[in-house]
PDB file of N, CA and C in Angstrom:
ATOM      1  N   MET A   1       0.990  -1.023  -0.370  1.00  0.00           N
ATOM      2  CA  MET A   1      -0.062   0.370  -0.304  1.00  0.00           C
ATOM      3  C   MET A   1       0.573   1.095  -0.370  1.00  0.00           C
ATOM      4  N   SER A   2       0.447   2.187  -0.454  1.00  0.00           N
ATOM      5  CA  SER A   2       0.997   3.618  -0.666  1.00  0.00           C
ATOM      6  C   SER A   2       0.178   4.925  -1.016  1.00  0.00           C
ATOM      7  N   TRP A   3       0.501   5.861  -1.111  1.00  0.00           N
ATOM      8  CA  TRP A   3      -0.208   6.953  -1.306  1.00  0.00           C
ATOM      9  C   TRP A   3      -0.594   7.188  -2.559  1.00  0.00           C
ATOM     10  N   LYS A   4      -0.096   6.008  -3.604  1.00  0.00           N
ATOM     11  CA  LYS A   4      -0.856   6.116  -4.870  1.00  0.00           C
ATOM     12  C   LYS A   4      -2.146   5.156  -4.819  1.00  0.00           C
ATOM     13  N   SER A   5      -2.650   4.584  -3.572  1.00  0.00           N
ATOM     14  CA  SER A   5      -3.619   3.986  -4.062  1.00  0.00           C
ATOM     15  C   SER A   5      -4.877   5.041  -3.594  1.00  0.00           C
ATOM     16  N   PHE A   6      -4.229   5.856  -2.785  1.00  0.00           N
ATOM     17  CA  PHE A   6      -5.157   7.095  -1.939  1.00  0.00           C
ATOM     18  C   PHE A   6      -5.900   7.950  -2.708  1.00  0.00           C
ATOM     19  N   ASN A   7      -6.942   8.299  -2.831  1.00  0.00           N
ATOM     20  CA  ASN A   7      -7.650   9.667  -3.378  1.00  0.00           C
ATOM     21  C   ASN A   7      -8.414  10.417  -2.869  1.00  0.00           C
ATOM     22  N   ALA A   8      -9.254  11.688  -3.182  1.00  0.00           N
ATOM     23  CA  ALA A   8      -9.745  12.441  -2.618  1.00  0.00           C
ATOM     24  C   ALA A   8     -10.827  12.159  -1.737  1.00  0.00           C
ATOM     25  N   GLY A   9     -11.771  11.158  -2.798  1.00  0.00           N
ATOM     26  CA  GLY A   9     -12.732  10.963  -2.159  1.00  0.00           C
ATOM     27  C   GLY A   9     -13.477   9.683  -1.664  1.00  0.00           C
ATOM     28  N   ASP A  10     -12.363   9.044  -0.775  1.00  0.00           N
ATOM     29  CA  ASP A  10     -12.329   7.690  -0.141  1.00  0.00           C
ATOM     30  C   ASP A  10     -11.834   7.552   1.476  1.00  0.00           C
ATOM     31  N   VAL A  11     -12.676   6.688   1.842  1.00  0.00           N
ATOM     32  CA  VAL A  11     -11.526   6.401   3.249  1.00  0.00           C
ATOM     33  C   VAL A  11     -11.029   5.166   2.925  1.00  0.00           C
ATOM     34  N   PHE A  12      -9.951   5.569   3.694  1.00  0.00           N
ATOM     35  CA  PHE A  12      -8.921   4.463   4.024  1.00  0.00           C
ATOM     36  C   PHE A  12      -8.339   3.946   4.882  1.00  0.00           C
ATOM     37  N   LEU A  13      -8.032   2.636   5.482  1.00  0.00           N
ATOM     38  CA  LEU A  13      -7.671   1.999   6.734  1.00  0.00           C
ATOM     39  C   LEU A  13      -6.458   1.464   6.968  1.00  0.00           C
ATOM     40  N   LEU A  14      -5.605   1.812   7.542  1.00  0.00           N
ATOM     41  CA  LEU A  14      -4.094   1.116   7.935  1.00  0.00           C
ATOM     42  C   LEU A  14      -4.386   0.785   9.152  1.00  0.00           C
ATOM     43  N   ASP A  15      -4.131  -0.596   9.232  1.00  0.00           N
ATOM     44  CA  ASP A  15      -4.259  -1.395  10.228  1.00  0.00           C
ATOM     45  C   ASP A  15      -2.728  -1.995  10.388  1.00  0.00           C
ATOM     46  N   LEU A  16      -2.164  -1.370  11.579  1.00  0.00           N
ATOM     47  CA  LEU A  16      -0.909  -1.736  11.999  1.00  0.00           C
ATOM     48  C   LEU A  16      -0.560  -2.685  12.739  1.00  0.00           C
ATOM     49  N   GLY A  17      -1.927  -3.277  13.728  1.00  0.00           N
ATOM     50  CA  GLY A  17      -1.363  -4.017  14.501  1.00  0.00           C
ATOM     51  C   GLY A  17      -1.503  -3.918  15.784  1.00  0.00           C
ATOM     52  N   ASN A  18      -0.589  -2.409  16.287  1.00  0.00           N
ATOM     53  CA  ASN A  18      -0.737  -1.811  17.091  1.00  0.00           C
ATOM     54  C   ASN A  18      -1.723  -0.388  17.091  1.00  0.00           C
ATOM     55  N   VAL A  19      -2.301   0.165  16.241  1.00  0.00           N
ATOM     56  CA  VAL A  19      -2.795   1.043  15.810  1.00  0.00           C
ATOM     57  C   VAL A  19      -3.434   0.542  14.737  1.00  0.00           C
ATOM     58  N   ILE A  20      -5.300   1.247  14.330  1.00  0.00           N
ATOM     59  CA  ILE A  20      -5.875   1.403  13.435  1.00  0.00           C
ATOM     60  C   ILE A  20      -5.821   2.553  13.325  1.00  0.00           C
ATOM     61  N   ILE A  21      -5.442   3.579  11.463  1.00  0.00           N
ATOM     62  CA  ILE A  21      -5.767   4.635  11.379  1.00  0.00           C
ATOM     63  C   ILE A  21      -6.276   4.813  10.336  1.00  0.00           C
ATOM     64  N   GLN A  22      -7.993   5.739  10.080  1.00  0.00           N
ATOM     65  CA  GLN A  22      -8.590   5.699   9.604  1.00  0.00           C
ATOM     66  C   GLN A  22      -8.196   7.147   8.697  1.00  0.00           C
ATOM     67  N   TRP A  23      -8.153   7.289   7.185  1.00  0.00           N
ATOM     68  CA  TRP A  23      -7.717   8.511   7.007  1.00  0.00           C
ATOM     69  C   TRP A  23      -8.966   8.548   6.116  1.00  0.00           C
ATOM     70  N   ASN A  24      -9.706   9.996   5.859  1.00  0.00           N
ATOM     71  CA  ASN A  24     -10.772   9.991   5.207  1.00  0.00           C
ATOM     72  C   ASN A  24     -10.687  11.662   4.246  1.00  0.00           C
ATOM     73  N   GLY A  25     -10.505  10.675   3.154  1.00  0.00           N
ATOM     74  CA  GLY A  25     -10.585  11.941   1.797  1.00  0.00           C
ATOM     75  C   GLY A  25     -11.090  13.491   2.252  1.00  0.00           C
ATOM     76  N   PRO A  26     -10.490  14.229   1.372  1.00  0.00           N
ATOM     77  CA  PRO A  26     -11.348  15.368   1.991  1.00  0.00           C
ATOM     78  C   PRO A  26     -12.497  15.667   1.243  1.00  0.00           C
ATOM     79  N   GLN A  27     -12.710  14.803  -0.033  1.00  0.00           N
ATOM     80  CA  GLN A  27     -13.848  14.959  -0.797  1.00  0.00           C
ATOM     81  C   GLN A  27     -14.919  13.701  -0.197  1.00  0.00           C
ATOM     82  N   SER A  28     -14.562  12.613   0.655  1.00  0.00           N
ATOM     83  CA  SER A  28     -15.390  11.616   1.044  1.00  0.00           C
ATOM     84  C   SER A  28     -16.828  12.430   1.554  1.00  0.00           C
ATOM     85  N   ASN A  29     -17.726  11.339   1.916  1.00  0.00           N
ATOM     86  CA  ASN A  29     -18.866  11.816   2.440  1.00  0.00           C
ATOM     87  C   ASN A  29     -19.021  10.764   3.882  1.00  0.00           C
ATOM     88  N   SER A  30     -20.140  11.561   4.471  1.00  0.00           N
ATOM     89  CA  SER A  30     -20.350  11.348   5.685  1.00  0.00           C
ATOM     90  C   SER A  30     -20.936   9.553   5.906  1.00  0.00           C
ATOM     91  N   SER A  31     -21.540   9.152   5.071  1.00  0.00           N
ATOM     92  CA  SER A  31     -21.885   7.653   5.063  1.00  0.00           C
ATOM     93  C   SER A  31     -20.502   6.838   4.677  1.00  0.00           C
ATOM     94  N   GLU A  32     -19.274   7.412   4.107  1.00  0.00           N
ATOM     95  CA  GLU A  32     -17.832   6.502   3.796  1.00  0.00           C
ATOM     96  C   GLU A  32     -17.626   6.654   4.774  1.00  0.00           C
ATOM     97  N   ARG A  33     -17.145   7.822   5.875  1.00  0.00           N
ATOM     98  CA  ARG A  33     -16.710   8.065   6.862  1.00  0.00           C
ATOM     99  C   ARG A  33     -17.253   7.171   7.797  1.00  0.00           C
ATOM    100  N   LEU A  34     -18.401   7.301   8.064  1.00  0.00           N
ATOM    101  CA  LEU A  34     -19.285   6.241   9.552  1.00  0.00           C
ATOM    102  C   LEU A  34     -19.267   4.845   9.073  1.00  0.00           C
ATOM    103  N   LYS A  35     -18.803   4.445   7.662  1.00  0.00           N
ATOM    104  CA  LYS A  35     -18.366   2.806   7.308  1.00  0.00           C
ATOM    105  C   LYS A  35     -17.302   2.847   7.577  1.00  0.00           C
ATOM    106  N   GLY A  36     -16.117   3.743   7.608  1.00  0.00           N
ATOM    107  CA  GLY A  36     -15.004   3.174   7.928  1.00  0.00           C
ATOM    108  C   GLY A  36     -14.622   3.114   9.395  1.00  0.00           C
ATOM    109  N   THR A  37     -15.256   4.445  10.119  1.00  0.00           N
ATOM    110  CA  THR A  37     -15.305   4.232  11.671  1.00  0.00           C
ATOM    111  C   THR A  37     -15.963   2.815  12.186  1.00  0.00           C
ATOM    112  N   LEU A  38     -16.860   2.264  11.512  1.00  0.00           N
ATOM    113  CA  LEU A  38     -17.482   1.265  12.193  1.00  0.00           C
ATOM    114  C   LEU A  38     -16.897   0.070  11.687  1.00  0.00           C
ATOM    115  N   LEU A  39     -15.994   0.307  10.799  1.00  0.00           N
ATOM    116  CA  LEU A  39     -14.930  -1.317  10.051  1.00  0.00           C
ATOM    117  C   LEU A  39     -13.943  -1.039  11.219  1.00  0.00           C
ATOM    118  N   ALA A  40     -13.184   0.155  11.636  1.00  0.00           N
ATOM    119  CA  ALA A  40     -12.129   0.199  12.510  1.00  0.00           C
ATOM    120  C   ALA A  40     -12.380  -0.440  13.574  1.00  0.00           C
ATOM    121  N   LYS A  41     -13.423  -0.074  14.614  1.00  0.00           N
ATOM    122  CA  LYS A  41     -14.071  -0.390  15.593  1.00  0.00           C
ATOM    123  C   LYS A  41     -14.073  -1.919  15.775  1.00  0.00           C
ATOM    124  N   ASP A  42     -14.999  -2.269  14.205  1.00  0.00           N
ATOM    125  CA  ASP A  42     -15.528  -3.946  14.644  1.00  0.00           C
ATOM    126  C   ASP A  42     -13.912  -4.704  14.615  1.00  0.00           C
ATOM    127  N   ILE A  43     -12.873  -4.087  13.766  1.00  0.00           N
ATOM    128  CA  ILE A  43     -11.531  -4.715  13.597  1.00  0.00           C
ATOM    129  C   ILE A  43     -10.829  -4.625  15.151  1.00  0.00           C
ATOM    130  N   ARG A  44     -10.707  -3.627  15.651  1.00  0.00           N
ATOM    131  CA  ARG A  44     -10.064  -3.432  16.852  1.00  0.00           C
ATOM    132  C   ARG A  44     -11.372  -4.565  18.339  1.00  0.00           C
ATOM    133  N   ASP A  45     -12.435  -4.330  17.938  1.00  0.00           N
ATOM    134  CA  ASP A  45     -13.191  -5.092  19.134  1.00  0.00           C
ATOM    135  C   ASP A  45     -12.853  -6.618  18.648  1.00  0.00           C
ATOM    136  N   ARG A  46     -12.985  -7.329  17.541  1.00  0.00           N
ATOM    137  CA  ARG A  46     -13.575  -8.549  17.484  1.00  0.00           C
ATOM    138  C   ARG A  46     -11.914  -9.308  17.302  1.00  0.00           C
ATOM    139  N   GLU A  47     -10.515  -8.544  16.436  1.00  0.00           N
ATOM    140  CA  GLU A  47      -9.694  -8.974  16.025  1.00  0.00           C
ATOM    141  C   GLU A  47      -8.041  -8.559  17.539  1.00  0.00           C
ATOM    142  N   ARG A  48      -8.582  -7.657  18.018  1.00  0.00           N
ATOM    143  CA  ARG A  48      -7.687  -7.114  18.776  1.00  0.00           C
ATOM    144  C   ARG A  48      -7.991  -6.803  20.132  1.00  0.00           C
ATOM    145  N   GLY A  49      -9.132  -7.681  20.748  1.00  0.00           N
ATOM    146  CA  GLY A  49      -9.780  -7.466  21.703  1.00  0.00           C
ATOM    147  C   GLY A  49     -10.231  -6.284  22.399  1.00  0.00           C
ATOM    148  N   GLY A  50     -10.397  -5.285  21.904  1.00  0.00           N
ATOM    149  CA  GLY A  50     -10.457  -4.044  22.090  1.00  0.00           C
ATOM    150  C   GLY A  50      -9.382  -2.839  22.229  1.00  0.00           C
ATOM    151  N   ARG A  51      -8.587  -3.529  22.673  1.00  0.00           N
ATOM    152  CA  ARG A  51      -7.248  -2.670  23.060  1.00  0.00           C
ATOM    153  C   ARG A  51      -6.769  -2.008  21.891  1.00  0.00           C
ATOM    154  N   THR A  52      -6.605  -2.007  20.668  1.00  0.00           N
ATOM    155  CA  THR A  52      -6.018  -1.131  19.952  1.00  0.00           C
ATOM    156  C   THR A  52      -6.472   0.311  19.993  1.00  0.00           C
ATOM    157  N   PRO A  53      -5.829   1.363  19.478  1.00  0.00           N
ATOM    158  CA  PRO A  53      -6.855   2.866  19.409  1.00  0.00           C
ATOM    159  C   PRO A  53      -6.811   2.637  18.431  1.00  0.00           C
ATOM    160  N   VAL A  54      -7.701   3.488  17.826  1.00  0.00           N
ATOM    161  CA  VAL A  54      -8.418   3.749  16.567  1.00  0.00           C
ATOM    162  C   VAL A  54      -7.892   5.750  16.118  1.00  0.00           C
ATOM    163  N   GLY A  55      -7.625   5.933  14.943  1.00  0.00           N
ATOM    164  CA  GLY A  55      -7.163   7.310  15.155  1.00  0.00           C
ATOM    165  C   GLY A  55      -7.668   7.548  13.585  1.00  0.00           C
ATOM    166  N   ILE A  56      -8.253   8.758  13.462  1.00  0.00           N
ATOM    167  CA  ILE A  56      -8.796   9.394  12.230  1.00  0.00           C
ATOM    168  C   ILE A  56      -8.201  10.660  11.857  1.00  0.00           C
ATOM    169  N   VAL A  57      -7.889  10.366  10.919  1.00  0.00           N
ATOM    170  CA  VAL A  57      -7.112  11.928  10.036  1.00  0.00           C
ATOM    171  C   VAL A  57      -7.955  12.324   9.408  1.00  0.00           C
ATOM    172  N   GLU A  58      -8.342  13.432   8.929  1.00  0.00           N
ATOM    173  CA  GLU A  58      -9.434  14.300   8.129  1.00  0.00           C
ATOM    174  C   GLU A  58      -8.254  14.935   6.960  1.00  0.00           C
ATOM    175  N   GLY A  59      -8.359  14.223   5.786  1.00  0.00           N
ATOM    176  CA  GLY A  59      -7.140  14.511   4.786  1.00  0.00           C
ATOM    177  C   GLY A  59      -7.783  15.589   4.519  1.00  0.00           C
ATOM    178  N   ASP A  60      -8.542  16.802   4.765  1.00  0.00           N
ATOM    179  CA  ASP A  60      -7.970  18.456   4.330  1.00  0.00           C
ATOM    180  C   ASP A  60      -7.410  18.867   6.191  1.00  0.00           C
ATOM    181  N   LYS A  61      -7.324  18.423   6.999  1.00  0.00           N
ATOM    182  CA  LYS A  61      -7.036  18.891   8.187  1.00  0.00           C
ATOM    183  C   LYS A  61      -5.819  18.141   8.734  1.00  0.00           C
ATOM    184  N   GLU A  62      -4.737  17.477   7.959  1.00  0.00           N
ATOM    185  CA  GLU A  62      -4.098  16.467   8.085  1.00  0.00           C
ATOM    186  C   GLU A  62      -2.977  17.210   9.414  1.00  0.00           C
ATOM    187  N   GLN A  63      -2.870  18.316   9.292  1.00  0.00           N
ATOM    188  CA  GLN A  63      -1.518  18.746  10.336  1.00  0.00           C
ATOM    189  C   GLN A  63      -2.528  18.939  11.993  1.00  0.00           C
ATOM    190  N   ASP A  64      -3.919  18.607  11.870  1.00  0.00           N
ATOM    191  CA  ASP A  64      -4.296  18.556  13.027  1.00  0.00           C
ATOM    192  C   ASP A  64      -4.074  17.173  13.732  1.00  0.00           C
ATOM    193  N   SER A  65      -3.307  16.372  12.645  1.00  0.00           N
ATOM    194  CA  SER A  65      -3.249  14.568  13.605  1.00  0.00           C
ATOM    195  C   SER A  65      -1.903  14.536  12.902  1.00  0.00           C
ATOM    196  N   ALA A  66      -1.086  15.475  13.735  1.00  0.00           N
ATOM    197  CA  ALA A  66       0.593  15.067  13.102  1.00  0.00           C
ATOM    198  C   ALA A  66       1.358  14.151  13.844  1.00  0.00           C
ATOM    199  N   GLU A  67       0.709  13.270  14.607  1.00  0.00           N
ATOM    200  CA  GLU A  67       1.199  12.277  15.393  1.00  0.00           C
ATOM    201  C   GLU A  67       1.008  11.347  14.393  1.00  0.00           C
ATOM    202  N   LEU A  68      -0.202  11.209  14.338  1.00  0.00           N
ATOM    203  CA  LEU A  68      -0.892  10.053  12.974  1.00  0.00           C
ATOM    204  C   LEU A  68      -0.258  10.213  11.624  1.00  0.00           C
ATOM    205  N   MET A  69      -0.019  11.314  11.554  1.00  0.00           N
ATOM    206  CA  MET A  69       0.477  11.235   9.880  1.00  0.00           C
ATOM    207  C   MET A  69       1.564  11.124  10.136  1.00  0.00           C
ATOM    208  N   LYS A  70       2.860  11.028  11.295  1.00  0.00           N
ATOM    209  CA  LYS A  70       4.056  10.791  10.824  1.00  0.00           C
ATOM    210  C   LYS A  70       4.134   9.199  10.571  1.00  0.00           C
ATOM    211  N   VAL A  71       3.231   8.474  11.663  1.00  0.00           N
ATOM    212  CA  VAL A  71       2.836   7.116  10.795  1.00  0.00           C
ATOM    213  C   VAL A  71       2.601   6.746   9.676  1.00  0.00           C
ATOM    214  N   LEU A  72       1.770   7.465   9.378  1.00  0.00           N
ATOM    215  CA  LEU A  72       1.618   7.380   8.309  1.00  0.00           C
ATOM    216  C   LEU A  72       2.959   7.717   6.877  1.00  0.00           C
ATOM    217  N   VAL A  73       3.313   8.649   7.289  1.00  0.00           N
ATOM    218  CA  VAL A  73       4.407   8.615   6.199  1.00  0.00           C
ATOM    219  C   VAL A  73       5.534   7.679   6.691  1.00  0.00           C
ATOM    220  N   SER A  74       5.771   7.544   7.658  1.00  0.00           N
ATOM    221  CA  SER A  74       6.767   6.140   8.307  1.00  0.00           C
ATOM    222  C   SER A  74       6.265   5.006   7.226  1.00  0.00           C
ATOM    223  N   VAL A  75       5.308   4.563   6.990  1.00  0.00           N
ATOM    224  CA  VAL A  75       4.676   3.218   6.383  1.00  0.00           C
ATOM    225  C   VAL A  75       4.796   3.472   4.983  1.00  0.00           C
ATOM    226  N   LEU A  76       3.957   4.407   4.590  1.00  0.00           N
ATOM    227  CA  LEU A  76       3.446   4.673   2.719  1.00  0.00           C
ATOM    228  C   LEU A  76       4.199   5.633   2.157  1.00  0.00           C
ATOM    229  N   GLY A  77       5.709   6.386   3.295  1.00  0.00           N
ATOM    230  CA  GLY A  77       6.297   7.483   2.593  1.00  0.00           C
ATOM    231  C   GLY A  77       5.450   8.511   2.390  1.00  0.00           C
ATOM    232  N   LYS A  78       6.570   9.847   1.519  1.00  0.00           N
ATOM    233  CA  LYS A  78       6.109  10.974   1.753  1.00  0.00           C
ATOM    234  C   LYS A  78       4.643  11.033   1.013  1.00  0.00           C
ATOM    235  N   ARG A  79       3.897  11.765   0.998  1.00  0.00           N
ATOM    236  CA  ARG A  79       2.844  12.091   0.903  1.00  0.00           C
ATOM    237  C   ARG A  79       3.022  13.069  -0.128  1.00  0.00           C
ATOM    238  N   PRO A  80       2.731  12.640  -1.343  1.00  0.00           N
ATOM    239  CA  PRO A  80       2.402  13.538  -2.283  1.00  0.00           C
ATOM    240  C   PRO A  80       1.556  14.631  -2.466  1.00  0.00           C
ATOM    241  N   GLU A  81       1.608  16.144  -3.221  1.00  0.00           N
ATOM    242  CA  GLU A  81       1.293  16.862  -2.309  1.00  0.00           C
ATOM    243  C   GLU A  81       0.114  17.100  -2.813  1.00  0.00           C
ATOM    244  N   ARG A  82      -0.721  16.387  -4.410  1.00  0.00           N
ATOM    245  CA  ARG A  82      -1.746  16.089  -4.992  1.00  0.00           C
ATOM    246  C   ARG A  82      -1.961  14.803  -4.869  1.00  0.00           C
ATOM    247  N   LEU A  83      -3.163  14.237  -4.411  1.00  0.00           N
ATOM    248  CA  LEU A  83      -3.459  12.861  -4.520  1.00  0.00           C
ATOM    249  C   LEU A  83      -4.725  12.800  -5.963  1.00  0.00           C
ATOM    250  N   GLN A  84      -4.982  11.316  -6.545  1.00  0.00           N
ATOM    251  CA  GLN A  84      -5.762  11.392  -7.260  1.00  0.00           C
ATOM    252  C   GLN A  84      -6.900  11.795  -7.178  1.00  0.00           C
ATOM    253  N   PRO A  85      -7.706  12.008  -8.111  1.00  0.00           N
ATOM    254  CA  PRO A  85      -9.142  12.679  -7.837  1.00  0.00           C
ATOM    255  C   PRO A  85      -9.776  11.797  -7.141  1.00  0.00           C
ATOM    256  N   PRO A  86     -11.093  12.021  -7.147  1.00  0.00           N
ATOM    257  CA  PRO A  86     -12.130  11.146  -6.130  1.00  0.00           C
ATOM    258  C   PRO A  86     -12.581  10.202  -7.715  1.00  0.00           C
ATOM    259  N   THR A  87     -13.151   8.634  -6.980  1.00  0.00           N
ATOM    260  CA  THR A  87     -13.760   8.105  -7.992  1.00  0.00           C
ATOM    261  C   THR A  87     -15.075   7.803  -8.390  1.00  0.00           C
ATOM    262  N   SER A  88     -15.680   7.883  -9.325  1.00  0.00           N
ATOM    263  CA  SER A  88     -17.347   7.498  -8.939  1.00  0.00           C
ATOM    264  C   SER A  88     -17.303   5.856  -8.172  1.00  0.00           C
ATOM    265  N   ASP A  89     -18.168   6.420  -7.226  1.00  0.00           N
ATOM    266  CA  ASP A  89     -18.313   4.615  -6.528  1.00  0.00           C
ATOM    267  C   ASP A  89     -19.142   3.561  -7.213  1.00  0.00           C
ATOM    268  N   LYS A  90     -19.571   3.944  -8.142  1.00  0.00           N
ATOM    269  CA  LYS A  90     -20.216   3.313  -9.496  1.00  0.00           C
ATOM    270  C   LYS A  90     -19.144   2.375 -10.269  1.00  0.00           C
ATOM    271  N   ARG A  91     -18.211   3.377 -10.522  1.00  0.00           N
ATOM    272  CA  ARG A  91     -17.170   2.704 -11.834  1.00  0.00           C
ATOM    273  C   ARG A  91     -16.590   2.229 -11.037  1.00  0.00           C
ATOM    274  N   ALA A  92     -15.537   2.140  -9.578  1.00  0.00           N
ATOM    275  CA  ALA A  92     -15.031   1.717  -8.675  1.00  0.00           C
ATOM    276  C   ALA A  92     -15.862   0.128  -8.322  1.00  0.00           C
ATOM    277  N   ALA A  93     -16.871   0.121  -8.081  1.00  0.00           N
ATOM    278  CA  ALA A  93     -17.681  -1.373  -7.857  1.00  0.00           C
ATOM    279  C   ALA A  93     -17.733  -2.400  -9.362  1.00  0.00           C
ATOM    280  N   GLU A  94     -18.100  -1.428 -10.252  1.00  0.00           N
ATOM    281  CA  GLU A  94     -18.263  -1.853 -11.555  1.00  0.00           C
ATOM    282  C   GLU A  94     -16.347  -2.890 -12.137  1.00  0.00           C
ATOM    283  N   GLN A  95     -15.256  -1.872 -12.085  1.00  0.00           N
ATOM    284  CA  GLN A  95     -14.022  -2.263 -11.933  1.00  0.00           C
ATOM    285  C   GLN A  95     -13.593  -3.236 -11.404  1.00  0.00           C
ATOM    286  N   HIS A  96     -13.987  -3.276 -10.236  1.00  0.00           N
ATOM    287  CA  HIS A  96     -13.751  -4.405  -8.914  1.00  0.00           C
ATOM    288  C   HIS A  96     -14.282  -5.832  -9.330  1.00  0.00           C
ATOM    289  N   ARG A  97     -15.886  -5.586 -10.008  1.00  0.00           N
ATOM    290  CA  ARG A  97     -16.271  -6.882 -10.025  1.00  0.00           C
ATOM    291  C   ARG A  97     -15.544  -7.566 -11.690  1.00  0.00           C
ATOM    292  N   THR A  98     -15.514  -6.582 -12.382  1.00  0.00           N
ATOM    293  CA  THR A  98     -14.387  -7.184 -13.888  1.00  0.00           C
ATOM    294  C   THR A  98     -13.125  -7.928 -13.169  1.00  0.00           C
ATOM    295  N   SER A  99     -12.686  -7.216 -12.264  1.00  0.00           N
ATOM    296  CA  SER A  99     -11.210  -7.588 -11.850  1.00  0.00           C
ATOM    297  C   SER A  99     -10.898  -8.985 -11.073  1.00  0.00           C
ATOM    298  N   ILE A 100     -12.142  -9.494 -10.353  1.00  0.00           N
ATOM    299  CA  ILE A 100     -11.791 -10.384  -9.888  1.00  0.00           C
ATOM    300  C   ILE A 100     -11.995 -12.041 -10.917  1.00  0.00           C
ATOM    301  N   SER A 101     -10.915 -12.846 -10.238  1.00  0.00           N
ATOM    302  CA  SER A 101     -10.861 -14.166 -11.430  1.00  0.00           C
ATOM    303  C   SER A 101     -10.859 -15.191  -9.960  1.00  0.00           C
ATOM    304  N   LEU A 102     -11.378 -16.105 -10.099  1.00  0.00           N
ATOM    305  CA  LEU A 102     -11.270 -17.206  -9.281  1.00  0.00           C
ATOM    306  C   LEU A 102     -10.787 -18.407  -9.770  1.00  0.00           C
ATOM    307  N   TYR A 103      -9.836 -19.049  -9.034  1.00  0.00           N
ATOM    308  CA  TYR A 103      -8.936 -20.014  -9.216  1.00  0.00           C
ATOM    309  C   TYR A 103      -9.329 -21.110  -8.559  1.00  0.00           C
ATOM    310  N   GLN A 104      -8.932 -22.232  -8.726  1.00  0.00           N
ATOM    311  CA  GLN A 104      -8.947 -23.369  -8.336  1.00  0.00           C
ATOM    312  C   GLN A 104      -7.641 -24.344  -8.281  1.00  0.00           C
ATOM    313  N   TYR A 105      -7.386 -24.748  -7.080  1.00  0.00           N
ATOM    314  CA  TYR A 105      -5.742 -25.216  -7.048  1.00  0.00           C
ATOM    315  C   TYR A 105      -5.839 -27.025  -7.214  1.00  0.00           C
ATOM    316  N   VAL A 106      -5.301 -27.056  -8.347  1.00  0.00           N
ATOM    317  CA  VAL A 106      -5.529 -28.751  -9.103  1.00  0.00           C
ATOM    318  C   VAL A 106      -4.070 -29.618  -8.909  1.00  0.00           C
ATOM    319  N   PRO A 107      -3.966 -30.239  -7.663  1.00  0.00           N
ATOM    320  CA  PRO A 107      -2.754 -31.204  -7.655  1.00  0.00           C
ATOM    321  C   PRO A 107      -2.776 -32.117  -8.312  1.00  0.00           C
ATOM    322  N   GLN A 108      -1.991 -32.353  -9.296  1.00  0.00           N
ATOM    323  CA  GLN A 108      -1.340 -33.317  -9.801  1.00  0.00           C
ATOM    324  C   GLN A 108      -0.341 -34.268  -9.728  1.00  0.00           C
ATOM    325  N   ALA A 109      -0.147 -35.313 -10.315  1.00  0.00           N
ATOM    326  CA  ALA A 109       1.107 -36.256 -10.124  1.00  0.00           C
ATOM    327  C   ALA A 109       2.516 -35.677  -9.286  1.00  0.00           C
ATOM    328  N   GLU A 110       3.165 -34.927 -10.872  1.00  0.00           N
ATOM    329  CA  GLU A 110       4.500 -34.669 -10.515  1.00  0.00           C
ATOM    330  C   GLU A 110       4.257 -32.803 -10.352  1.00  0.00           C
ATOM    331  N   THR A 111       2.533 -32.016 -10.648  1.00  0.00           N
ATOM    332  CA  THR A 111       2.893 -30.769 -11.443  1.00  0.00           C
ATOM    333  C   THR A 111       1.640 -30.420 -10.300  1.00  0.00           C
ATOM    334  N   ARG A 112       1.768 -29.037  -9.499  1.00  0.00           N
ATOM    335  CA  ARG A 112       0.516 -28.418  -9.010  1.00  0.00           C
ATOM    336  C   ARG A 112       0.537 -27.148  -9.442  1.00  0.00           C
ATOM    337  N   LYS A 113      -0.855 -27.080 -10.055  1.00  0.00           N
ATOM    338  CA  LYS A 113      -0.905 -25.449 -10.718  1.00  0.00           C
ATOM    339  C   LYS A 113      -2.122 -24.973  -9.890  1.00  0.00           C
ATOM    340  N   TRP A 114      -2.287 -23.494 -10.298  1.00  0.00           N
ATOM    341  CA  TRP A 114      -3.587 -23.065 -10.088  1.00  0.00           C
ATOM    342  C   TRP A 114      -4.522 -22.625 -11.360  1.00  0.00           C
ATOM    343  N   ALA A 115      -5.394 -23.151 -11.301  1.00  0.00           N
ATOM    344  CA  ALA A 115      -6.224 -23.020 -12.888  1.00  0.00           C
ATOM    345  C   ALA A 115      -7.210 -22.178 -12.640  1.00  0.00           C
ATOM    346  N   PRO A 116      -7.772 -21.545 -13.767  1.00  0.00           N
ATOM    347  CA  PRO A 116      -8.802 -20.427 -13.910  1.00  0.00           C
ATOM    348  C   PRO A 116     -10.276 -21.551 -13.822  1.00  0.00           C
ATOM    349  N   VAL A 117     -11.076 -20.880 -13.168  1.00  0.00           N
ATOM    350  CA  VAL A 117     -12.278 -21.320 -12.709  1.00  0.00           C
ATOM    351  C   VAL A 117     -13.432 -21.173 -14.153  1.00  0.00           C
TER     352      VAL A 117
END
């Protein structure tokens, strides 16, 4: 994962095990932000026993979350000045659907391979 994956219109979660960081794109909507928060808290509660802190960075107010931004930069590298523009949620869902491939593991005598289904 890198800053190249980020865009201004979505919400991104980075689970580092000892902290979960939610980065809200400046153009993300309140529904996306709420879903991100609920998912981060679900990960915290179900997978981390409620002990992992969840930090939220507002993409248009990153300076207000300096410590969390230091963590993001240490993991993702230097943040570019401009992020990708928002993508249509409908278009992203269509691209995701068309890019999914299903493979079946086929064990054979001397060769083992993955075959498309």
